[in-house]
PDB file of N, CA and C in Angstrom:
ATOM      1  N   MET A   1      39.673   6.001  11.212  1.00  0.00           N
ATOM      2  CA  MET A   1      38.758   6.499  10.145  1.00  0.00           C
ATOM      3  C   MET A   1      37.777   5.404   9.766  1.00  0.00           C
ATOM      4  N   LYS A   2      36.538   5.726   9.804  1.00  0.00           N
ATOM      5  CA  LYS A   2      35.419   4.806   9.422  1.00  0.00           C
ATOM      6  C   LYS A   2      35.234   4.765   7.874  1.00  0.00           C
ATOM      7  N   SER A   3      35.171   3.582   7.313  1.00  0.00           N
ATOM      8  CA  SER A   3      35.032   3.488   5.886  1.00  0.00           C
ATOM      9  C   SER A   3      33.462   3.538   5.574  1.00  0.00           C
ATOM     10  N   THR A   4      33.137   4.025   4.452  1.00  0.00           N
ATOM     11  CA  THR A   4      31.686   4.128   4.117  1.00  0.00           C
ATOM     12  C   THR A   4      31.319   2.835   3.371  1.00  0.00           C
ATOM     13  N   PRO A   5      30.127   2.408   3.632  1.00  0.00           N
ATOM     14  CA  PRO A   5      29.721   1.139   2.992  1.00  0.00           C
ATOM     15  C   PRO A   5      29.452   1.361   1.567  1.00  0.00           C
ATOM     16  N   THR A   6      29.701   0.322   0.681  1.00  0.00           N
ATOM     17  CA  THR A   6      29.449   0.417  -0.708  1.00  0.00           C
ATOM     18  C   THR A   6      28.524  -0.739  -1.080  1.00  0.00           C
ATOM     19  N   VAL A   7      27.717  -0.549  -2.060  1.00  0.00           N
ATOM     20  CA  VAL A   7      26.797  -1.552  -2.515  1.00  0.00           C
ATOM     21  C   VAL A   7      26.933  -1.835  -4.001  1.00  0.00           C
ATOM     22  N   ASP A   8      27.034  -2.980  -4.383  1.00  0.00           N
ATOM     23  CA  ASP A   8      26.983  -3.400  -5.788  1.00  0.00           C
ATOM     24  C   ASP A   8      25.596  -3.560  -6.185  1.00  0.00           C
ATOM     25  N   TRP A   9      24.950  -2.506  -6.784  1.00  0.00           N
ATOM     26  CA  TRP A   9      23.508  -2.511  -7.019  1.00  0.00           C
ATOM     27  C   TRP A   9      23.138  -3.543  -8.140  1.00  0.00           C
ATOM     28  N   ASP A  10      23.981  -3.837  -9.016  1.00  0.00           N
ATOM     29  CA  ASP A  10      23.708  -4.786 -10.040  1.00  0.00           C
ATOM     30  C   ASP A  10      23.595  -6.220  -9.337  1.00  0.00           C
ATOM     31  N   ALA A  11      24.416  -6.442  -8.379  1.00  0.00           N
ATOM     32  CA  ALA A  11      24.361  -7.758  -7.661  1.00  0.00           C
ATOM     33  C   ALA A  11      23.018  -7.800  -6.821  1.00  0.00           C
ATOM     34  N   VAL A  12      22.638  -6.680  -6.262  1.00  0.00           N
ATOM     35  CA  VAL A  12      21.418  -6.687  -5.461  1.00  0.00           C
ATOM     36  C   VAL A  12      20.209  -6.967  -6.379  1.00  0.00           C
ATOM     37  N   ILE A  13      20.164  -6.326  -7.514  1.00  0.00           N
ATOM     38  CA  ILE A  13      19.094  -6.528  -8.505  1.00  0.00           C
ATOM     39  C   ILE A  13      19.034  -7.903  -8.969  1.00  0.00           C
ATOM     40  N   ALA A  14      20.182  -8.547  -9.129  1.00  0.00           N
ATOM     41  CA  ALA A  14      20.254  -9.967  -9.629  1.00  0.00           C
ATOM     42  C   ALA A  14      19.927 -10.931  -8.502  1.00  0.00           C
ATOM     43  N   ASP A  15      20.036 -10.549  -7.301  1.00  0.00           N
ATOM     44  CA  ASP A  15      19.760 -11.501  -6.174  1.00  0.00           C
ATOM     45  C   ASP A  15      18.308 -12.043  -6.199  1.00  0.00           C
ATOM     46  N   PRO A  16      18.159 -13.394  -6.101  1.00  0.00           N
ATOM     47  CA  PRO A  16      16.823 -13.946  -6.135  1.00  0.00           C
ATOM     48  C   PRO A  16      15.925 -13.474  -5.031  1.00  0.00           C
ATOM     49  N   ARG A  17      16.614 -13.170  -3.841  1.00  0.00           N
ATOM     50  CA  ARG A  17      15.775 -12.748  -2.667  1.00  0.00           C
ATOM     51  C   ARG A  17      15.219 -11.292  -2.961  1.00  0.00           C
ATOM     52  N   PHE A  18      16.054 -10.517  -3.593  1.00  0.00           N
ATOM     53  CA  PHE A  18      15.537  -9.224  -4.033  1.00  0.00           C
ATOM     54  C   PHE A  18      14.354  -9.344  -5.015  1.00  0.00           C
ATOM     55  N   GLN A  19      14.608 -10.189  -5.976  1.00  0.00           N
ATOM     56  CA  GLN A  19      13.557 -10.363  -7.011  1.00  0.00           C
ATOM     57  C   GLN A  19      12.199 -10.824  -6.340  1.00  0.00           C
ATOM     58  N   THR A  20      12.351 -11.764  -5.364  1.00  0.00           N
ATOM     59  CA  THR A  20      11.149 -12.202  -4.625  1.00  0.00           C
ATOM     60  C   THR A  20      10.558 -11.065  -3.863  1.00  0.00           C
ATOM     61  N   LEU A  21      11.281 -10.262  -3.197  1.00  0.00           N
ATOM     62  CA  LEU A  21      10.812  -9.144  -2.458  1.00  0.00           C
ATOM     63  C   LEU A  21      10.122  -8.208  -3.377  1.00  0.00           C
ATOM     64  N   HIS A  22      10.699  -7.844  -4.504  1.00  0.00           N
ATOM     65  CA  HIS A  22      10.078  -6.926  -5.432  1.00  0.00           C
ATOM     66  C   HIS A  22       8.761  -7.471  -5.990  1.00  0.00           C
ATOM     67  N   ARG A  23       8.814  -8.780  -6.370  1.00  0.00           N
ATOM     68  CA  ARG A  23       7.536  -9.302  -6.922  1.00  0.00           C
ATOM     69  C   ARG A  23       6.447  -9.400  -5.932  1.00  0.00           C
ATOM     70  N   LYS A  24       6.731  -9.778  -4.614  1.00  0.00           N
ATOM     71  CA  LYS A  24       5.656  -9.795  -3.601  1.00  0.00           C
ATOM     72  C   LYS A  24       5.132  -8.366  -3.282  1.00  0.00           C
ATOM     73  N   LYS A  25       6.042  -7.418  -3.153  1.00  0.00           N
ATOM     74  CA  LYS A  25       5.672  -6.123  -2.885  1.00  0.00           C
ATOM     75  C   LYS A  25       4.837  -5.525  -3.951  1.00  0.00           C
ATOM     76  N   GLN A  26       5.252  -5.724  -5.237  1.00  0.00           N
ATOM     77  CA  GLN A  26       4.518  -5.212  -6.364  1.00  0.00           C
ATOM     78  C   GLN A  26       3.146  -5.774  -6.511  1.00  0.00           C
ATOM     79  N   ALA A  27       3.001  -7.087  -6.297  1.00  0.00           N
ATOM     80  CA  ALA A  27       1.665  -7.739  -6.334  1.00  0.00           C
ATOM     81  C   ALA A  27       0.759  -7.194  -5.219  1.00  0.00           C
ATOM     82  N   PHE A  28       1.295  -7.053  -4.060  1.00  0.00           N
ATOM     83  CA  PHE A  28       0.508  -6.537  -2.892  1.00  0.00           C
ATOM     84  C   PHE A  28       0.062  -5.063  -3.158  1.00  0.00           C
ATOM     85  N   LEU A  29       1.005  -4.253  -3.613  1.00  0.00           N
ATOM     86  CA  LEU A  29       0.653  -2.804  -3.832  1.00  0.00           C
ATOM     87  C   LEU A  29      -0.300  -2.668  -4.996  1.00  0.00           C
ATOM     88  N   THR A  30      -0.225  -3.511  -6.029  1.00  0.00           N
ATOM     89  CA  THR A  30      -1.043  -3.462  -7.162  1.00  0.00           C
ATOM     90  C   THR A  30      -2.500  -3.754  -6.688  1.00  0.00           C
ATOM     91  N   GLY A  31      -2.706  -4.817  -5.810  1.00  0.00           N
ATOM     92  CA  GLY A  31      -3.943  -5.103  -5.356  1.00  0.00           C
ATOM     93  C   GLY A  31      -4.577  -3.994  -4.531  1.00  0.00           C
ATOM     94  N   LEU A  32      -3.784  -3.396  -3.561  1.00  0.00           N
ATOM     95  CA  LEU A  32      -4.127  -2.203  -2.799  1.00  0.00           C
ATOM     96  C   LEU A  32      -4.601  -1.117  -3.690  1.00  0.00           C
ATOM     97  N   MET A  33      -3.808  -0.821  -4.753  1.00  0.00           N
ATOM     98  CA  MET A  33      -4.088   0.265  -5.602  1.00  0.00           C
ATOM     99  C   MET A  33      -5.381   0.115  -6.437  1.00  0.00           C
ATOM    100  N   ILE A  34      -5.610  -1.075  -6.907  1.00  0.00           N
ATOM    101  CA  ILE A  34      -6.890  -1.415  -7.692  1.00  0.00           C
ATOM    102  C   ILE A  34      -8.029  -1.201  -6.645  1.00  0.00           C
ATOM    103  N   PHE A  35      -7.960  -1.751  -5.525  1.00  0.00           N
ATOM    104  CA  PHE A  35      -9.064  -1.652  -4.550  1.00  0.00           C
ATOM    105  C   PHE A  35      -9.291  -0.137  -4.207  1.00  0.00           C
ATOM    106  N   SER A  36      -8.248   0.606  -3.883  1.00  0.00           N
ATOM    107  CA  SER A  36      -8.486   2.049  -3.463  1.00  0.00           C
ATOM    108  C   SER A  36      -8.991   2.903  -4.648  1.00  0.00           C
ATOM    109  N   VAL A  37      -8.518   2.629  -5.839  1.00  0.00           N
ATOM    110  CA  VAL A  37      -9.063   3.408  -7.037  1.00  0.00           C
ATOM    111  C   VAL A  37     -10.529   3.044  -7.231  1.00  0.00           C
ATOM    112  N   ALA A  38     -10.878   1.796  -7.220  1.00  0.00           N
ATOM    113  CA  ALA A  38     -12.285   1.356  -7.319  1.00  0.00           C
ATOM    114  C   ALA A  38     -13.109   1.953  -6.223  1.00  0.00           C
ATOM    115  N   TYR A  39     -12.695   1.899  -5.011  1.00  0.00           N
ATOM    116  CA  TYR A  39     -13.475   2.468  -3.898  1.00  0.00           C
ATOM    117  C   TYR A  39     -13.622   4.013  -4.081  1.00  0.00           C
ATOM    118  N   TYR A  40     -12.513   4.677  -4.496  1.00  0.00           N
ATOM    119  CA  TYR A  40     -12.640   6.131  -4.637  1.00  0.00           C
ATOM    120  C   TYR A  40     -13.606   6.565  -5.714  1.00  0.00           C
ATOM    121  N   PHE A  41     -13.597   5.829  -6.845  1.00  0.00           N
ATOM    122  CA  PHE A  41     -14.513   6.161  -7.969  1.00  0.00           C
ATOM    123  C   PHE A  41     -15.913   5.628  -7.780  1.00  0.00           C
ATOM    124  N   ALA A  42     -16.081   4.839  -6.779  1.00  0.00           N
ATOM    125  CA  ALA A  42     -17.463   4.355  -6.480  1.00  0.00           C
ATOM    126  C   ALA A  42     -18.322   5.539  -5.962  1.00  0.00           C
ATOM    127  N   LEU A  43     -17.692   6.590  -5.314  1.00  0.00           N
ATOM    128  CA  LEU A  43     -18.389   7.625  -4.808  1.00  0.00           C
ATOM    129  C   LEU A  43     -19.002   8.587  -5.912  1.00  0.00           C
ATOM    130  N   PRO A  44     -18.216   9.063  -6.801  1.00  0.00           N
ATOM    131  CA  PRO A  44     -18.833   9.866  -7.810  1.00  0.00           C
ATOM    132  C   PRO A  44     -19.774   9.064  -8.763  1.00  0.00           C
ATOM    133  N   ILE A  45     -19.459   7.825  -9.086  1.00  0.00           N
ATOM    134  CA  ILE A  45     -20.289   7.007  -9.912  1.00  0.00           C
ATOM    135  C   ILE A  45     -21.588   6.753  -9.159  1.00  0.00           C
ATOM    136  N   GLY A  46     -21.542   6.390  -7.874  1.00  0.00           N
ATOM    137  CA  GLY A  46     -22.722   6.150  -7.188  1.00  0.00           C
ATOM    138  C   GLY A  46     -23.561   7.447  -6.990  1.00  0.00           C
ATOM    139  N   ALA A  47     -22.939   8.578  -6.789  1.00  0.00           N
ATOM    140  CA  ALA A  47     -23.687   9.820  -6.639  1.00  0.00           C
ATOM    141  C   ALA A  47     -24.373  10.220  -8.010  1.00  0.00           C
ATOM    142  N   ALA A  48     -23.725   9.779  -9.116  1.00  0.00           N
ATOM    143  CA  ALA A  48     -24.289  10.167 -10.425  1.00  0.00           C
ATOM    144  C   ALA A  48     -25.447   9.205 -10.791  1.00  0.00           C
ATOM    145  N   TYR A  49     -25.244   7.890 -10.607  1.00  0.00           N
ATOM    146  CA  TYR A  49     -26.125   6.909 -11.173  1.00  0.00           C
ATOM    147  C   TYR A  49     -27.026   6.241 -10.200  1.00  0.00           C
ATOM    148  N   PHE A  50     -26.782   6.403  -8.861  1.00  0.00           N
ATOM    149  CA  PHE A  50     -27.592   5.753  -7.805  1.00  0.00           C
ATOM    150  C   PHE A  50     -28.036   6.841  -6.762  1.00  0.00           C
ATOM    151  N   GLN A  51     -28.594   7.963  -7.315  1.00  0.00           N
ATOM    152  CA  GLN A  51     -28.875   9.077  -6.448  1.00  0.00           C
ATOM    153  C   GLN A  51     -30.031   8.747  -5.344  1.00  0.00           C
ATOM    154  N   ASP A  52     -30.892   7.965  -5.738  1.00  0.00           N
ATOM    155  CA  ASP A  52     -31.998   7.483  -4.818  1.00  0.00           C
ATOM    156  C   ASP A  52     -31.381   6.709  -3.704  1.00  0.00           C
ATOM    157  N   PHE A  53     -30.462   5.875  -3.950  1.00  0.00           N
ATOM    158  CA  PHE A  53     -29.846   5.093  -2.871  1.00  0.00           C
ATOM    159  C   PHE A  53     -29.003   6.026  -2.014  1.00  0.00           C
ATOM    160  N   PHE A  54     -28.254   6.903  -2.589  1.00  0.00           N
ATOM    161  CA  PHE A  54     -27.391   7.773  -1.893  1.00  0.00           C
ATOM    162  C   PHE A  54     -28.174   8.775  -0.945  1.00  0.00           C
ATOM    163  N   ARG A  55     -29.478   9.067  -1.343  1.00  0.00           N
ATOM    164  CA  ARG A  55     -30.265  10.021  -0.571  1.00  0.00           C
ATOM    165  C   ARG A  55     -30.922   9.330   0.639  1.00  0.00           C
ATOM    166  N   ILE A  56     -30.888   8.037   0.792  1.00  0.00           N
ATOM    167  CA  ILE A  56     -31.505   7.349   1.932  1.00  0.00           C
ATOM    168  C   ILE A  56     -30.976   7.844   3.206  1.00  0.00           C
ATOM    169  N   ARG A  57     -31.889   8.379   4.076  1.00  0.00           N
ATOM    170  CA  ARG A  57     -31.404   8.920   5.396  1.00  0.00           C
ATOM    171  C   ARG A  57     -31.118   7.739   6.361  1.00  0.00           C
ATOM    172  N   VAL A  58     -30.041   7.867   7.012  1.00  0.00           N
ATOM    173  CA  VAL A  58     -29.614   6.800   7.917  1.00  0.00           C
ATOM    174  C   VAL A  58     -29.903   7.220   9.337  1.00  0.00           C
ATOM    175  N   TRP A  59     -29.434   8.483   9.686  1.00  0.00           N
ATOM    176  CA  TRP A  59     -29.645   8.981  11.092  1.00  0.00           C
ATOM    177  C   TRP A  59     -29.649  10.516  10.964  1.00  0.00           C
ATOM    178  N   GLY A  60     -30.639  11.148  11.366  1.00  0.00           N
ATOM    179  CA  GLY A  60     -30.749  12.618  11.269  1.00  0.00           C
ATOM    180  C   GLY A  60     -30.492  13.136   9.796  1.00  0.00           C
ATOM    181  N   VAL A  61     -29.518  13.980   9.711  1.00  0.00           N
ATOM    182  CA  VAL A  61     -29.218  14.566   8.348  1.00  0.00           C
ATOM    183  C   VAL A  61     -28.246  13.636   7.636  1.00  0.00           C
ATOM    184  N   LEU A  62     -27.763  12.637   8.277  1.00  0.00           N
ATOM    185  CA  LEU A  62     -26.765  11.773   7.552  1.00  0.00           C
ATOM    186  C   LEU A  62     -27.518  10.778   6.631  1.00  0.00           C
ATOM    187  N   ASN A  63     -26.961  10.794   5.396  1.00  0.00           N
ATOM    188  CA  ASN A  63     -27.546   9.867   4.404  1.00  0.00           C
ATOM    189  C   ASN A  63     -26.407   8.915   3.891  1.00  0.00           C
ATOM    190  N   VAL A  64     -26.854   7.921   3.120  1.00  0.00           N
ATOM    191  CA  VAL A  64     -25.870   6.898   2.657  1.00  0.00           C
ATOM    192  C   VAL A  64     -24.741   7.650   1.905  1.00  0.00           C
ATOM    193  N   GLY A  65     -24.991   8.605   1.063  1.00  0.00           N
ATOM    194  CA  GLY A  65     -23.911   9.242   0.264  1.00  0.00           C
ATOM    195  C   GLY A  65     -22.925   9.894   1.222  1.00  0.00           C
ATOM    196  N   LEU A  66     -23.365  10.606   2.172  1.00  0.00           N
ATOM    197  CA  LEU A  66     -22.488  11.324   3.129  1.00  0.00           C
ATOM    198  C   LEU A  66     -21.626  10.285   3.947  1.00  0.00           C
ATOM    199  N   LEU A  67     -22.274   9.236   4.395  1.00  0.00           N
ATOM    200  CA  LEU A  67     -21.532   8.188   5.029  1.00  0.00           C
ATOM    201  C   LEU A  67     -20.494   7.506   4.187  1.00  0.00           C
ATOM    202  N   PHE A  68     -20.920   7.266   2.927  1.00  0.00           N
ATOM    203  CA  PHE A  68     -19.911   6.599   2.056  1.00  0.00           C
ATOM    204  C   PHE A  68     -18.796   7.543   1.799  1.00  0.00           C
ATOM    205  N   ALA A  69     -19.056   8.850   1.703  1.00  0.00           N
ATOM    206  CA  ALA A  69     -17.900   9.767   1.454  1.00  0.00           C
ATOM    207  C   ALA A  69     -16.954   9.842   2.678  1.00  0.00           C
ATOM    208  N   LEU A  70     -17.575   9.838   3.849  1.00  0.00           N
ATOM    209  CA  LEU A  70     -16.719   9.812   5.092  1.00  0.00           C
ATOM    210  C   LEU A  70     -16.013   8.512   5.224  1.00  0.00           C
ATOM    211  N   SER A  71     -16.591   7.424   4.745  1.00  0.00           N
ATOM    212  CA  SER A  71     -15.932   6.125   4.835  1.00  0.00           C
ATOM    213  C   SER A  71     -14.636   6.095   4.023  1.00  0.00           C
ATOM    214  N   GLN A  72     -14.480   6.956   3.093  1.00  0.00           N
ATOM    215  CA  GLN A  72     -13.233   7.024   2.281  1.00  0.00           C
ATOM    216  C   GLN A  72     -12.077   7.312   3.199  1.00  0.00           C
ATOM    217  N   PHE A  73     -12.220   8.090   4.167  1.00  0.00           N
ATOM    218  CA  PHE A  73     -11.062   8.425   5.178  1.00  0.00           C
ATOM    219  C   PHE A  73     -10.739   7.145   5.947  1.00  0.00           C
ATOM    220  N   VAL A  74     -11.799   6.421   6.437  1.00  0.00           N
ATOM    221  CA  VAL A  74     -11.555   5.240   7.194  1.00  0.00           C
ATOM    222  C   VAL A  74     -10.875   4.191   6.311  1.00  0.00           C
ATOM    223  N   VAL A  75     -11.356   4.004   5.107  1.00  0.00           N
ATOM    224  CA  VAL A  75     -10.675   2.994   4.225  1.00  0.00           C
ATOM    225  C   VAL A  75      -9.304   3.387   3.909  1.00  0.00           C
ATOM    226  N   ALA A  76      -9.059   4.667   3.742  1.00  0.00           N
ATOM    227  CA  ALA A  76      -7.620   5.033   3.475  1.00  0.00           C
ATOM    228  C   ALA A  76      -6.688   4.742   4.600  1.00  0.00           C
ATOM    229  N   TRP A  77      -7.205   4.993   5.830  1.00  0.00           N
ATOM    230  CA  TRP A  77      -6.380   4.599   7.055  1.00  0.00           C
ATOM    231  C   TRP A  77      -6.312   3.117   7.253  1.00  0.00           C
ATOM    232  N   LEU A  78      -7.336   2.353   6.910  1.00  0.00           N
ATOM    233  CA  LEU A  78      -7.235   0.943   7.009  1.00  0.00           C
ATOM    234  C   LEU A  78      -6.243   0.349   6.041  1.00  0.00           C
ATOM    235  N   LEU A  79      -6.258   0.877   4.781  1.00  0.00           N
ATOM    236  CA  LEU A  79      -5.203   0.438   3.751  1.00  0.00           C
ATOM    237  C   LEU A  79      -3.807   0.779   4.240  1.00  0.00           C
ATOM    238  N   ALA A  80      -3.670   1.939   4.846  1.00  0.00           N
ATOM    239  CA  ALA A  80      -2.316   2.243   5.308  1.00  0.00           C
ATOM    240  C   ALA A  80      -1.863   1.331   6.491  1.00  0.00           C
ATOM    241  N   PHE A  81      -2.884   0.972   7.326  1.00  0.00           N
ATOM    242  CA  PHE A  81      -2.609   0.018   8.422  1.00  0.00           C
ATOM    243  C   PHE A  81      -2.234  -1.372   7.872  1.00  0.00           C
ATOM    244  N   VAL A  82      -2.998  -1.831   6.883  1.00  0.00           N
ATOM    245  CA  VAL A  82      -2.788  -3.143   6.319  1.00  0.00           C
ATOM    246  C   VAL A  82      -1.362  -3.195   5.682  1.00  0.00           C
ATOM    247  N   TYR A  83      -1.083  -2.103   4.909  1.00  0.00           N
ATOM    248  CA  TYR A  83       0.263  -1.980   4.303  1.00  0.00           C
ATOM    249  C   TYR A  83       1.371  -2.071   5.321  1.00  0.00           C
ATOM    250  N   GLU A  84       1.220  -1.275   6.366  1.00  0.00           N
ATOM    251  CA  GLU A  84       2.265  -1.228   7.474  1.00  0.00           C
ATOM    252  C   GLU A  84       2.480  -2.519   8.110  1.00  0.00           C
ATOM    253  N   ARG A  85       1.383  -3.274   8.362  1.00  0.00           N
ATOM    254  CA  ARG A  85       1.523  -4.546   9.012  1.00  0.00           C
ATOM    255  C   ARG A  85       2.228  -5.538   8.112  1.00  0.00           C
ATOM    256  N   ARG A  86       1.869  -5.519   6.815  1.00  0.00           N
ATOM    257  CA  ARG A  86       2.537  -6.458   5.823  1.00  0.00           C
ATOM    258  C   ARG A  86       3.960  -5.999   5.670  1.00  0.00           C
ATOM    259  N   ALA A  87       4.255  -4.729   5.549  1.00  0.00           N
ATOM    260  CA  ALA A  87       5.623  -4.268   5.278  1.00  0.00           C
ATOM    261  C   ALA A  87       6.535  -4.658   6.468  1.00  0.00           C
ATOM    262  N   SER A  88       6.108  -4.380   7.657  1.00  0.00           N
ATOM    263  CA  SER A  88       6.888  -4.611   8.939  1.00  0.00           C
ATOM    264  C   SER A  88       7.008  -6.074   9.233  1.00  0.00           C
ATOM    265  N   GLY A  89       6.041  -6.903   8.768  1.00  0.00           N
ATOM    266  CA  GLY A  89       6.078  -8.288   9.040  1.00  0.00           C
ATOM    267  C   GLY A  89       6.813  -9.141   8.018  1.00  0.00           C
ATOM    268  N   GLU A  90       6.718  -8.719   6.743  1.00  0.00           N
ATOM    269  CA  GLU A  90       7.340  -9.478   5.679  1.00  0.00           C
ATOM    270  C   GLU A  90       8.383  -8.761   4.861  1.00  0.00           C
ATOM    271  N   PHE A  91       7.951  -7.598   4.375  1.00  0.00           N
ATOM    272  CA  PHE A  91       8.828  -6.889   3.434  1.00  0.00           C
ATOM    273  C   PHE A  91      10.120  -6.397   4.085  1.00  0.00           C
ATOM    274  N   ASP A  92      10.073  -5.821   5.289  1.00  0.00           N
ATOM    275  CA  ASP A  92      11.251  -5.339   6.016  1.00  0.00           C
ATOM    276  C   ASP A  92      12.189  -6.451   6.317  1.00  0.00           C
ATOM    277  N   ALA A  93      11.716  -7.610   6.641  1.00  0.00           N
ATOM    278  CA  ALA A  93      12.602  -8.766   6.952  1.00  0.00           C
ATOM    279  C   ALA A  93      13.352  -9.133   5.715  1.00  0.00           C
ATOM    280  N   LEU A  94      12.641  -9.233   4.595  1.00  0.00           N
ATOM    281  CA  LEU A  94      13.316  -9.616   3.301  1.00  0.00           C
ATOM    282  C   LEU A  94      14.298  -8.525   2.821  1.00  0.00           C
ATOM    283  N   ALA A  95      13.971  -7.300   3.093  1.00  0.00           N
ATOM    284  CA  ALA A  95      14.832  -6.162   2.699  1.00  0.00           C
ATOM    285  C   ALA A  95      16.132  -6.166   3.582  1.00  0.00           C
ATOM    286  N   ALA A  96      15.973  -6.483   4.850  1.00  0.00           N
ATOM    287  CA  ALA A  96      17.098  -6.529   5.743  1.00  0.00           C
ATOM    288  C   ALA A  96      18.063  -7.700   5.425  1.00  0.00           C
ATOM    289  N   GLU A  97      17.436  -8.781   5.007  1.00  0.00           N
ATOM    290  CA  GLU A  97      18.245  -9.942   4.578  1.00  0.00           C
ATOM    291  C   GLU A  97      19.076  -9.638   3.328  1.00  0.00           C
ATOM    292  N   VAL A  98      18.445  -9.009   2.341  1.00  0.00           N
ATOM    293  CA  VAL A  98      19.132  -8.659   1.146  1.00  0.00           C
ATOM    294  C   VAL A  98      20.231  -7.556   1.449  1.00  0.00           C
ATOM    295  N   ALA A  99      19.900  -6.638   2.306  1.00  0.00           N
ATOM    296  CA  ALA A  99      20.855  -5.606   2.572  1.00  0.00           C
ATOM    297  C   ALA A  99      22.078  -6.110   3.279  1.00  0.00           C
ATOM    298  N   ALA A 100      21.880  -6.994   4.265  1.00  0.00           N
ATOM    299  CA  ALA A 100      22.944  -7.621   5.064  1.00  0.00           C
ATOM    300  C   ALA A 100      23.860  -8.406   4.125  1.00  0.00           C
ATOM    301  N   ALA A 101      23.271  -9.040   3.097  1.00  0.00           N
ATOM    302  CA  ALA A 101      24.096  -9.887   2.245  1.00  0.00           C
ATOM    303  C   ALA A 101      24.958  -9.089   1.294  1.00  0.00           C
ATOM    304  N   HIS A 102      24.494  -7.819   0.937  1.00  0.00           N
ATOM    305  CA  HIS A 102      25.204  -7.045  -0.033  1.00  0.00           C
ATOM    306  C   HIS A 102      25.908  -5.826   0.517  1.00  0.00           C
ATOM    307  N   LEU A 103      25.892  -5.521   1.812  1.00  0.00           N
ATOM    308  CA  LEU A 103      26.535  -4.393   2.333  1.00  0.00           C
ATOM    309  C   LEU A 103      27.988  -4.727   2.627  1.00  0.00           C
ATOM    310  N   LYS A 104      28.901  -3.976   2.100  1.00  0.00           N
ATOM    311  CA  LYS A 104      30.335  -4.250   2.275  1.00  0.00           C
ATOM    312  C   LYS A 104      31.021  -2.980   2.714  1.00  0.00           C
ATOM    313  N   SER A 105      32.108  -3.108   3.393  1.00  0.00           N
ATOM    314  CA  SER A 105      32.862  -1.952   3.724  1.00  0.00           C
ATOM    315  C   SER A 105      33.728  -1.472   2.573  1.00  0.00           C
ATOM    316  N   GLY A 106      33.651  -0.215   2.213  1.00  0.00           N
ATOM    317  CA  GLY A 106      34.411   0.279   1.178  1.00  0.00           C
ATOM    318  C   GLY A 106      35.773   0.873   1.654  1.00  0.00           C
ATOM    319  N   VAL A 107      36.580   1.250   0.650  1.00  0.00           N
ATOM    320  CA  VAL A 107      37.816   1.769   1.033  1.00  0.00           C
ATOM    321  C   VAL A 107      37.794   3.248   1.206  1.00  0.00           C
TER     322      VAL A 107
END
């Protein structure tokens, strides 16, 4: 019969490695969130206050405003890619280290 693993969550939270992981991840995600919110709100603010700039035609019927709106999709995918790279390169390794140190076989 295989025993189920148990975890002492209080010990995990108190672990300095977990604290470091949480602090690094929180700082990184806060930066991404601030950038993404600012970029998102730049569109309606720009459309409201910089109409002449947003009307500039770039190519055919495409203008700066439409290209900026479409760029929101590209930026969202880029932010997801940046997070994935950072998570798989740094955060996952720290999390695995913490998990390995605190995972025990239960009764």
